[in-house]
Amino acid sequence: MSVEEKFDSAKDQVVGKVKEVEGKLTGDKVREAEGKAQGVLGKVKDAVSDVKEDVKDAVKEAADDYKTDSEKEIDQ
C-alpha cells in the first residue's frame, strides 16, 4: 500500500468518525450516516489496497516461478 493510499484511507476513517460523533452529539442522523459511510469507505480502500498488493505479489511470484522453470528446461 502506497503512502498516499494509506493516508487517504486513514483520512476517510478519521473524518468519518468525526462526522459520526458530531451527528450523534447534535442529533443529526444524516451527518451521522455520512460519517459511518465515509468510515466504511476508508476501510474498503484499505481492503482493496491490500488485495491489490496480494495480487501484485502473486503475479510476481508466478512470473519468477515460470522463469525458473524455463531456465531448468533450457539447461536440460
Protein backbone atom coordinates (compact mmCIF):
# COMPACT_ATOMS: atom_id res chain seq x y z
CA MET A 1 0.00 0.00 0.00
CA SER A 2 1.48 3.32 -1.00
CA VAL A 3 1.83 6.16 1.46
CA GLU A 4 -0.81 8.13 -0.44
CA GLU A 5 -3.26 5.24 -0.26
CA LYS A 6 -2.62 4.77 3.46
CA PHE A 7 -3.10 8.47 4.11
CA ASP A 8 -6.28 8.62 2.02
CA SER A 9 -7.91 5.65 3.71
CA ALA A 10 -6.87 6.82 7.19
CA LYS A 11 -8.20 10.30 6.43
CA ASP A 12 -11.56 8.87 5.39
CA GLN A 13 -11.75 6.77 8.54
CA VAL A 14 -10.87 9.66 10.86
CA VAL A 15 -13.06 12.24 9.15
CA GLY A 16 -15.87 9.72 9.02
CA LYS A 17 -15.61 9.07 12.74
CA VAL A 18 -15.63 12.81 13.47
CA LYS A 19 -18.76 13.28 11.36
CA GLU A 20 -20.42 10.28 13.00
CA VAL A 21 -19.72 11.59 16.52
CA GLU A 22 -20.78 15.10 15.52
CA GLY A 23 -24.03 13.69 14.18
CA LYS A 24 -24.66 11.75 17.38
CA LEU A 25 -23.96 14.79 19.56
CA THR A 26 -26.17 17.12 17.55
CA GLY A 27 -28.89 14.58 16.82
CA ASP A 28 -28.26 14.94 13.08
CA LYS A 29 -28.95 11.46 11.73
CA VAL A 30 -27.90 12.42 8.19
CA ARG A 31 -24.49 13.66 9.39
CA GLU A 32 -24.09 10.52 11.50
CA ALA A 33 -24.89 8.31 8.49
CA GLU A 34 -22.47 10.28 6.29
CA GLY A 35 -19.76 9.70 8.86
CA LYS A 36 -20.44 5.98 9.06
CA ALA A 37 -20.39 5.74 5.27
CA GLN A 38 -17.12 7.65 5.00
CA GLY A 39 -15.56 5.44 7.67
CA VAL A 40 -16.62 2.33 5.79
CA LEU A 41 -15.21 3.83 2.59
CA GLY A 42 -11.85 4.21 4.32
CA LYS A 43 -11.91 0.59 5.44
CA VAL A 44 -12.87 -0.56 1.94
CA LYS A 45 -9.97 1.42 0.47
CA ASP A 46 -7.66 -0.38 2.91
CA ALA A 47 -9.01 -3.77 1.89
CA VAL A 48 -8.78 -3.01 -1.84
CA SER A 49 -5.23 -1.82 -1.45
CA ASP A 50 -4.32 -4.99 0.46
CA VAL A 51 -5.86 -7.17 -2.25
CA LYS A 52 -4.02 -5.18 -4.90
CA GLU A 53 -0.71 -5.81 -3.12
CA ASP A 54 -1.50 -9.52 -2.70
CA VAL A 55 -2.29 -9.88 -6.42
CA LYS A 56 0.84 -7.98 -7.35
CA ASP A 57 2.94 -10.28 -5.13
CA ALA A 58 1.25 -13.40 -6.52
CA VAL A 59 1.85 -12.33 -10.12
CA LYS A 60 5.50 -11.58 -9.37
CA GLU A 61 5.92 -14.96 -7.67
CA ALA A 62 4.25 -16.76 -10.58
CA ALA A 63 6.48 -14.94 -13.07
CA ASP A 64 9.57 -15.83 -11.04
CA ASP A 65 8.48 -19.49 -10.87
CA TYR A 66 7.86 -19.54 -14.63
CA LYS A 67 11.28 -18.02 -15.28
CA THR A 68 12.95 -20.57 -13.00
CA ASP A 69 11.08 -23.46 -14.66
CA SER A 70 12.01 -22.16 -18.13
CA GLU A 71 15.68 -21.92 -17.16
CA LYS A 72 15.62 -25.52 -15.88
CA GLU A 73 14.18 -26.74 -19.20
CA ILE A 74 16.87 -24.92 -21.16
CA ASP A 75 19.63 -26.46 -19.00
CA GLN A 76 18.35 -29.98 -19.67
